Protein backbone atom coordinates (compact mmCIF):
# COMPACT_ATOMS: atom_id res chain seq x y z
CA MET A 1 53.40 -117.16 213.82
CA CYS A 2 52.19 -114.60 216.33
CA GLU A 3 48.86 -116.09 217.42
CA ALA A 4 48.17 -117.14 220.99
CA ASN A 5 46.10 -119.83 222.64
CA VAL A 6 43.58 -118.61 225.21
CA TYR A 7 42.93 -120.58 228.39
CA TRP A 8 40.49 -120.34 231.29
CA LEU A 9 42.27 -120.21 234.64
CA ASN A 10 40.21 -122.50 236.90
CA ASP A 11 39.74 -121.99 240.64
CA ASP A 12 42.15 -124.85 241.37
CA GLY A 13 44.89 -123.22 239.27
CA SER A 14 44.53 -125.56 236.33
CA GLU A 15 44.18 -124.25 232.79
CA GLU A 16 41.46 -125.18 230.29
CA LEU A 17 41.88 -124.42 226.59
CA LEU A 18 39.24 -121.98 225.37
CA LEU A 19 40.37 -121.04 221.85
CA GLU A 20 43.45 -121.73 219.71
CA ASP A 21 45.27 -119.47 217.25
CA VAL A 22 43.74 -116.23 218.54
CA ASP A 23 44.65 -113.20 216.47
CA LYS A 24 42.50 -110.50 218.12
CA VAL A 25 41.47 -109.78 221.71
CA LYS A 26 39.00 -106.89 222.02
CA PRO A 27 37.37 -105.63 225.23
CA THR A 28 33.71 -104.62 224.78
CA GLU A 29 30.74 -103.78 226.98
CA ASN A 30 29.57 -107.40 226.65
CA GLY A 31 32.89 -109.02 227.53
CA ILE A 32 36.10 -109.90 225.75
CA VAL A 33 35.84 -110.77 222.07
CA LEU A 34 38.30 -113.40 220.88
CA GLU A 35 38.86 -113.98 217.16
CA SER A 36 41.02 -116.73 215.70
CA ILE A 37 42.85 -116.76 212.38
CA PHE A 38 40.19 -119.26 211.22
CA SER A 39 37.37 -116.71 211.77
CA GLU A 40 36.16 -118.48 214.91
CA ARG A 41 34.78 -115.92 217.35
CA LYS A 42 33.85 -116.12 221.04
CA VAL A 43 32.60 -113.49 223.48
CA VAL A 44 33.38 -114.31 227.10
CA LYS A 45 32.68 -112.62 230.43
CA ALA A 46 36.23 -112.56 231.72
CA SER A 47 39.20 -110.52 232.81
CA ILE A 48 42.74 -111.01 231.58
CA LYS A 49 44.85 -112.63 234.28
CA GLU A 50 48.09 -112.95 232.33
CA MET A 51 49.46 -112.54 228.82
CA ALA A 52 52.67 -114.41 228.02
CA LEU A 53 53.24 -113.35 224.44
CA VAL A 54 56.59 -115.08 223.94
CA SER A 55 54.83 -118.31 225.02
CA HIS A 56 51.77 -117.45 222.87
CA LYS A 57 49.48 -117.86 225.89
CA ILE A 58 46.66 -115.76 227.37
CA LEU A 59 45.00 -116.68 230.68
CA LEU A 60 41.47 -115.47 231.46
CA GLU A 61 39.50 -115.50 234.71
CA ARG A 62 35.74 -115.96 234.52
CA LEU A 63 33.62 -113.07 235.77
CA ALA A 64 30.39 -113.69 237.68
CA ASP A 65 27.25 -113.11 235.63
């Protein structure tokens, strides 16, 4: 399967799972829209820190409100 898990990258360098089996990542004016294969959807204020597609992993950094 080609989905990825999305993680928050915390200030201490640790990773926190945000959403599993993400199929779509869309930048919008309101933030990044994440959609999973199970129709779960989240909009987060973040920037993409790293995408490791072979590892099926996307790291996001929180943006200040």
